[in-house]
Each structure stands twice: as structure tokens, then as C-alpha cells.
């Protein structure tokens, strides 16, 4: 899968996954973040996690997925939690519960 079909009423948007840097849960929806914009998609984060695992997305928090090749740096905190800095400069909080899957090659 290299493109995700996102429905917006009667419209269908075909979103290239290479443009999506991270995904955040928003109730019964997810926000797909790319180049300064967020696209709302009706899907459960857990379902999307399964679909996107094969194209390089990994869960870093109970409400967040990130594309591995968009990560520039991972900074650990004394609590075990961590901060992920993306190539575009944005920072995302990660939970220690999801640290091990992030660090797997």
C-alpha cells in the first residue's frame, strides 16, 4: 500500500503515504499529518497501525504513529518516556511503553 484512500463526504482523496509524517488519534477519527496540514480520516488508530506497519509506521504513544524515515532524532527522558524529533523540526512525545518497537531495526 503506497496510497491511502480518505473519504470526505462524496469526495475521495488519495493520500500518498510517503507524504504522511505522523498520525494522531482524534476520537473515532485519525489526523494524518503532512507538510503543515492535517487530513481527517474516519478510522481507528489500532486498525491503521496494522495497515501501515508494512510501509514503515510505528506506534510511539497510545494515540500516535510515526513514519520511521521521518524521524531525525530520539531523545530519552529519565522517566523512560522519549521525544521524537522529525526531519521537519516538529517534536512528538513518545511513551516508554512503545519504546521497544520504535528501536527495533
N, C-alpha and C. Protein backbone atom coordinates (compact mmCIF):
# COMPACT_ATOMS: atom_id res chain seq x y z
N UNK A 1 0.85 -1.17 0.00
CA UNK A 1 0.00 0.00 0.00
C UNK A 1 0.90 1.24 0.00
N UNK A 2 0.74 2.07 -0.97
CA UNK A 2 1.52 3.30 -1.02
C UNK A 2 0.63 4.53 -1.00
N UNK A 3 -0.69 4.30 -1.11
CA UNK A 3 -1.66 5.39 -1.11
C UNK A 3 -2.82 4.99 -0.21
N UNK A 4 -3.30 5.95 0.58
CA UNK A 4 -4.44 5.71 1.46
C UNK A 4 -5.64 6.49 0.92
N UNK A 5 -6.75 5.80 0.75
CA UNK A 5 -7.98 6.45 0.29
C UNK A 5 -8.70 7.04 1.49
N UNK A 6 -8.91 8.36 1.46
CA UNK A 6 -9.59 9.06 2.54
C UNK A 6 -10.88 9.64 1.96
N UNK A 7 -11.99 9.29 2.57
CA UNK A 7 -13.28 9.78 2.09
C UNK A 7 -13.70 11.01 2.89
N UNK A 8 -14.17 12.00 2.17
CA UNK A 8 -14.66 13.24 2.77
C UNK A 8 -16.01 13.54 2.14
N UNK A 9 -17.06 12.98 2.74
CA UNK A 9 -18.38 13.11 2.15
C UNK A 9 -18.42 12.36 0.83
N UNK A 10 -18.74 13.07 -0.24
CA UNK A 10 -18.82 12.45 -1.57
C UNK A 10 -17.46 12.44 -2.26
N UNK A 11 -16.47 13.11 -1.67
CA UNK A 11 -15.13 13.17 -2.27
C UNK A 11 -14.25 12.04 -1.76
N UNK A 12 -13.33 11.62 -2.63
CA UNK A 12 -12.30 10.67 -2.24
C UNK A 12 -10.95 11.33 -2.50
N UNK A 13 -10.12 11.32 -1.49
CA UNK A 13 -8.77 11.87 -1.61
C UNK A 13 -7.80 10.70 -1.52
N UNK A 14 -6.86 10.64 -2.45
CA UNK A 14 -5.85 9.58 -2.43
C UNK A 14 -4.55 10.18 -1.91
N UNK A 15 -4.21 9.83 -0.69
CA UNK A 15 -3.10 10.43 0.04
C UNK A 15 -1.87 9.53 -0.04
N UNK A 16 -0.79 9.98 -0.71
CA UNK A 16 0.44 9.18 -0.75
C UNK A 16 1.03 9.04 0.66
N UNK A 17 1.28 7.83 1.09
CA UNK A 17 1.78 7.60 2.44
C UNK A 17 3.18 8.15 2.64
N UNK A 18 3.94 8.33 1.58
CA UNK A 18 5.28 8.91 1.68
C UNK A 18 5.21 10.37 2.12
N UNK A 19 4.04 11.01 1.98
CA UNK A 19 3.87 12.40 2.41
C UNK A 19 3.43 12.52 3.86
N UNK A 20 2.92 11.45 4.44
CA UNK A 20 2.41 11.47 5.81
C UNK A 20 3.57 11.25 6.77
N UNK A 21 3.77 12.19 7.70
CA UNK A 21 4.86 12.05 8.66
C UNK A 21 4.42 11.38 9.95
N UNK A 22 3.19 11.73 10.42
CA UNK A 22 2.68 11.06 11.61
C UNK A 22 1.16 11.06 11.60
N UNK A 23 0.60 10.19 12.46
CA UNK A 23 -0.84 10.00 12.56
C UNK A 23 -1.21 10.12 14.03
N UNK A 24 -2.27 10.90 14.32
CA UNK A 24 -2.73 11.06 15.70
C UNK A 24 -4.19 10.69 15.82
N UNK A 25 -4.54 10.04 16.94
CA UNK A 25 -5.93 9.70 17.22
C UNK A 25 -6.71 10.97 17.53
N UNK A 26 -7.97 10.99 17.07
CA UNK A 26 -8.88 12.11 17.34
C UNK A 26 -10.28 11.53 17.50
N UNK A 27 -10.53 10.91 18.63
CA UNK A 27 -11.83 10.27 18.85
C UNK A 27 -12.00 9.07 17.93
N UNK A 28 -13.08 9.05 17.16
CA UNK A 28 -13.33 7.97 16.20
C UNK A 28 -12.61 8.19 14.89
N UNK A 29 -11.78 9.20 14.83
CA UNK A 29 -11.05 9.56 13.62
C UNK A 29 -9.55 9.53 13.90
N UNK A 30 -8.77 9.70 12.85
CA UNK A 30 -7.35 9.94 12.98
C UNK A 30 -7.01 11.16 12.13
N UNK A 31 -6.00 11.89 12.55
CA UNK A 31 -5.48 13.00 11.76
C UNK A 31 -4.19 12.53 11.10
N UNK A 32 -4.15 12.62 9.78
CA UNK A 32 -2.96 12.25 9.02
C UNK A 32 -2.21 13.55 8.74
N UNK A 33 -1.02 13.70 9.32
CA UNK A 33 -0.26 14.95 9.22
C UNK A 33 0.75 14.87 8.09
N UNK A 34 0.73 15.91 7.25
CA UNK A 34 1.71 16.02 6.16
C UNK A 34 1.95 17.50 5.89
N UNK A 35 3.16 17.88 5.63
CA UNK A 35 3.56 19.22 5.21
C UNK A 35 2.67 20.34 5.75
N UNK A 36 2.53 20.41 7.06
CA UNK A 36 1.82 21.53 7.66
C UNK A 36 0.30 21.43 7.62
N UNK A 37 -0.26 20.33 7.13
CA UNK A 37 -1.71 20.19 7.13
C UNK A 37 -2.09 18.83 7.72
N UNK A 38 -3.31 18.76 8.24
CA UNK A 38 -3.82 17.52 8.79
C UNK A 38 -5.09 17.15 8.02
N UNK A 39 -5.18 15.89 7.63
CA UNK A 39 -6.34 15.37 6.92
C UNK A 39 -7.06 14.42 7.87
N UNK A 40 -8.35 14.67 8.08
CA UNK A 40 -9.15 13.85 8.98
C UNK A 40 -9.66 12.61 8.24
N UNK A 41 -9.54 11.45 8.89
CA UNK A 41 -9.92 10.18 8.28
C UNK A 41 -10.66 9.35 9.32
N UNK A 42 -11.83 8.83 8.97
CA UNK A 42 -12.59 8.02 9.93
C UNK A 42 -12.02 6.61 9.96
N UNK A 43 -11.26 6.34 11.00
CA UNK A 43 -10.64 5.02 11.20
C UNK A 43 -10.12 4.96 12.63
N UNK A 44 -10.01 3.76 13.15
CA UNK A 44 -9.42 3.56 14.47
C UNK A 44 -7.90 3.53 14.32
N UNK A 45 -7.21 4.11 15.27
CA UNK A 45 -5.74 4.14 15.21
C UNK A 45 -5.17 2.71 15.20
N UNK A 46 -5.76 1.81 15.98
CA UNK A 46 -5.27 0.43 16.02
C UNK A 46 -5.39 -0.25 14.66
N UNK A 47 -6.49 0.00 13.95
CA UNK A 47 -6.66 -0.59 12.61
C UNK A 47 -5.64 -0.02 11.64
N UNK A 48 -5.43 1.29 11.72
CA UNK A 48 -4.47 1.94 10.83
C UNK A 48 -3.05 1.49 11.15
N UNK A 49 -2.77 1.25 12.41
CA UNK A 49 -1.45 0.75 12.81
C UNK A 49 -1.14 -0.56 12.09
N UNK A 50 -2.10 -1.46 12.03
CA UNK A 50 -1.91 -2.73 11.35
C UNK A 50 -1.69 -2.54 9.85
N UNK A 51 -2.47 -1.66 9.25
CA UNK A 51 -2.35 -1.41 7.81
C UNK A 51 -1.02 -0.76 7.43
N UNK A 52 -0.53 0.14 8.28
CA UNK A 52 0.64 0.94 7.94
C UNK A 52 1.96 0.36 8.43
N UNK A 53 1.92 -0.71 9.20
CA UNK A 53 3.15 -1.31 9.72
C UNK A 53 4.08 -1.74 8.59
N UNK A 54 3.53 -2.25 7.51
CA UNK A 54 4.34 -2.74 6.39
C UNK A 54 4.99 -1.62 5.58
N UNK A 55 4.51 -0.39 5.76
CA UNK A 55 5.09 0.73 5.00
C UNK A 55 5.92 1.65 5.89
N UNK A 56 6.32 1.14 7.08
CA UNK A 56 7.28 1.86 7.90
C UNK A 56 6.74 2.73 9.01
N UNK A 57 5.48 2.59 9.38
CA UNK A 57 4.94 3.36 10.50
C UNK A 57 5.04 2.54 11.78
N UNK A 58 5.34 3.21 12.89
CA UNK A 58 5.48 2.54 14.18
C UNK A 58 4.75 3.38 15.23
N UNK A 59 4.19 2.69 16.20
CA UNK A 59 3.46 3.37 17.28
C UNK A 59 4.47 3.86 18.31
N UNK A 60 4.34 5.13 18.72
CA UNK A 60 5.24 5.69 19.73
C UNK A 60 4.49 6.13 20.98
N UNK A 61 3.16 6.11 20.92
CA UNK A 61 2.31 6.58 22.00
C UNK A 61 0.95 5.94 21.79
N UNK A 62 0.13 5.87 22.83
CA UNK A 62 -1.18 5.23 22.64
C UNK A 62 -2.05 5.96 21.63
N UNK A 63 -1.72 7.22 21.35
CA UNK A 63 -2.52 8.00 20.41
C UNK A 63 -1.72 8.49 19.20
N UNK A 64 -0.57 7.86 18.91
CA UNK A 64 0.29 8.40 17.86
C UNK A 64 1.11 7.34 17.14
N UNK A 65 1.15 7.44 15.80
CA UNK A 65 2.03 6.64 14.95
C UNK A 65 2.97 7.61 14.24
N UNK A 66 4.16 7.15 13.89
CA UNK A 66 5.10 8.00 13.15
C UNK A 66 5.76 7.16 12.06
N UNK A 67 6.07 7.81 10.94
CA UNK A 67 6.79 7.12 9.86
C UNK A 67 8.26 7.09 10.22
N UNK A 68 8.86 5.91 10.28
CA UNK A 68 10.25 5.76 10.73
C UNK A 68 11.23 6.66 9.97
N UNK A 69 11.09 6.74 8.66
CA UNK A 69 12.08 7.52 7.91
C UNK A 69 11.86 9.02 8.00
N UNK A 70 10.84 9.46 8.75
CA UNK A 70 10.64 10.89 9.02
C UNK A 70 11.32 11.31 10.32
N UNK A 71 11.85 10.33 11.07
CA UNK A 71 12.48 10.61 12.37
C UNK A 71 13.93 11.04 12.17
N UNK A 72 14.27 12.17 12.76
CA UNK A 72 15.64 12.67 12.71
C UNK A 72 16.39 12.32 13.99
N UNK A 73 15.67 12.29 15.14
CA UNK A 73 16.34 12.08 16.42
C UNK A 73 15.35 11.56 17.45
N UNK A 74 15.83 10.74 18.38
CA UNK A 74 15.04 10.27 19.51
C UNK A 74 15.82 10.64 20.77
N UNK A 75 15.16 11.37 21.66
CA UNK A 75 15.81 11.82 22.89
C UNK A 75 15.10 11.20 24.09
N UNK A 76 15.84 10.48 24.92
CA UNK A 76 15.27 9.82 26.10
C UNK A 76 15.16 10.77 27.27
N UNK A 77 14.17 10.50 28.12
CA UNK A 77 13.99 11.25 29.36
C UNK A 77 14.24 10.30 30.52
N UNK A 78 14.50 10.84 31.69
CA UNK A 78 14.80 9.99 32.85
C UNK A 78 13.63 9.09 33.24
N UNK A 79 12.41 9.47 32.90
CA UNK A 79 11.22 8.68 33.22
C UNK A 79 11.08 7.45 32.33
N UNK A 80 11.85 7.39 31.25
CA UNK A 80 11.72 6.31 30.29
C UNK A 80 10.94 6.73 29.06
N UNK A 81 10.18 7.82 29.18
CA UNK A 81 9.50 8.38 28.02
C UNK A 81 10.55 8.99 27.10
N UNK A 82 10.14 9.44 25.93
CA UNK A 82 11.10 9.99 24.98
C UNK A 82 10.43 11.02 24.09
N UNK A 83 11.25 11.78 23.40
CA UNK A 83 10.77 12.77 22.44
C UNK A 83 11.34 12.40 21.08
N UNK A 84 10.47 12.40 20.08
CA UNK A 84 10.87 12.12 18.71
C UNK A 84 10.91 13.45 17.97
N UNK A 85 12.05 13.78 17.39
CA UNK A 85 12.17 14.98 16.57
C UNK A 85 12.12 14.54 15.12
N UNK A 86 11.19 15.13 14.37
CA UNK A 86 11.03 14.79 12.96
C UNK A 86 11.99 15.61 12.11
N UNK A 87 12.19 15.18 10.90
CA UNK A 87 13.09 15.88 9.97
C UNK A 87 12.64 17.32 9.73
N UNK A 88 11.33 17.59 9.83
CA UNK A 88 10.83 18.95 9.62
C UNK A 88 10.90 19.82 10.87
N UNK A 89 11.44 19.27 11.98
CA UNK A 89 11.63 20.04 13.21
C UNK A 89 10.55 19.84 14.25
N UNK A 90 9.44 19.27 13.90
CA UNK A 90 8.38 19.04 14.89
C UNK A 90 8.82 18.00 15.90
N UNK A 91 8.31 18.13 17.13
CA UNK A 91 8.63 17.18 18.19
C UNK A 91 7.36 16.49 18.65
N UNK A 92 7.45 15.18 18.86
CA UNK A 92 6.33 14.38 19.31
C UNK A 92 6.72 13.63 20.56
N UNK A 93 5.81 13.57 21.52
CA UNK A 93 6.07 12.83 22.75
C UNK A 93 5.84 11.35 22.51
N UNK A 94 6.73 10.54 23.05
CA UNK A 94 6.61 9.09 22.98
C UNK A 94 6.53 8.52 24.38
N UNK A 95 5.87 7.40 24.52
CA UNK A 95 5.68 6.76 25.81
C UNK A 95 6.63 5.58 25.97
N UNK A 96 7.13 5.39 27.18
CA UNK A 96 8.09 4.29 27.42
C UNK A 96 7.50 2.94 27.06
N UNK A 97 6.19 2.80 27.11
CA UNK A 97 5.54 1.54 26.74
C UNK A 97 5.79 1.18 25.28
N UNK A 98 5.99 2.17 24.42
CA UNK A 98 6.16 1.93 22.99
C UNK A 98 7.61 2.15 22.53
N UNK A 99 8.53 2.24 23.46
CA UNK A 99 9.94 2.48 23.13
C UNK A 99 10.58 1.31 22.40
N UNK A 100 10.35 0.10 22.87
CA UNK A 100 11.00 -1.08 22.29
C UNK A 100 10.63 -1.26 20.81
N UNK A 101 9.35 -1.18 20.42
CA UNK A 101 9.03 -1.31 18.98
C UNK A 101 9.69 -0.23 18.13
N UNK A 102 9.83 0.96 18.68
CA UNK A 102 10.46 2.05 17.93
C UNK A 102 11.93 1.75 17.65
N UNK A 103 12.62 1.15 18.60
CA UNK A 103 14.06 0.93 18.47
C UNK A 103 14.41 -0.35 17.74
N UNK A 104 13.41 -1.19 17.42
CA UNK A 104 13.69 -2.39 16.64
C UNK A 104 14.11 -1.99 15.23
N UNK A 105 15.08 -2.69 14.65
CA UNK A 105 15.53 -2.34 13.30
C UNK A 105 14.48 -2.65 12.25
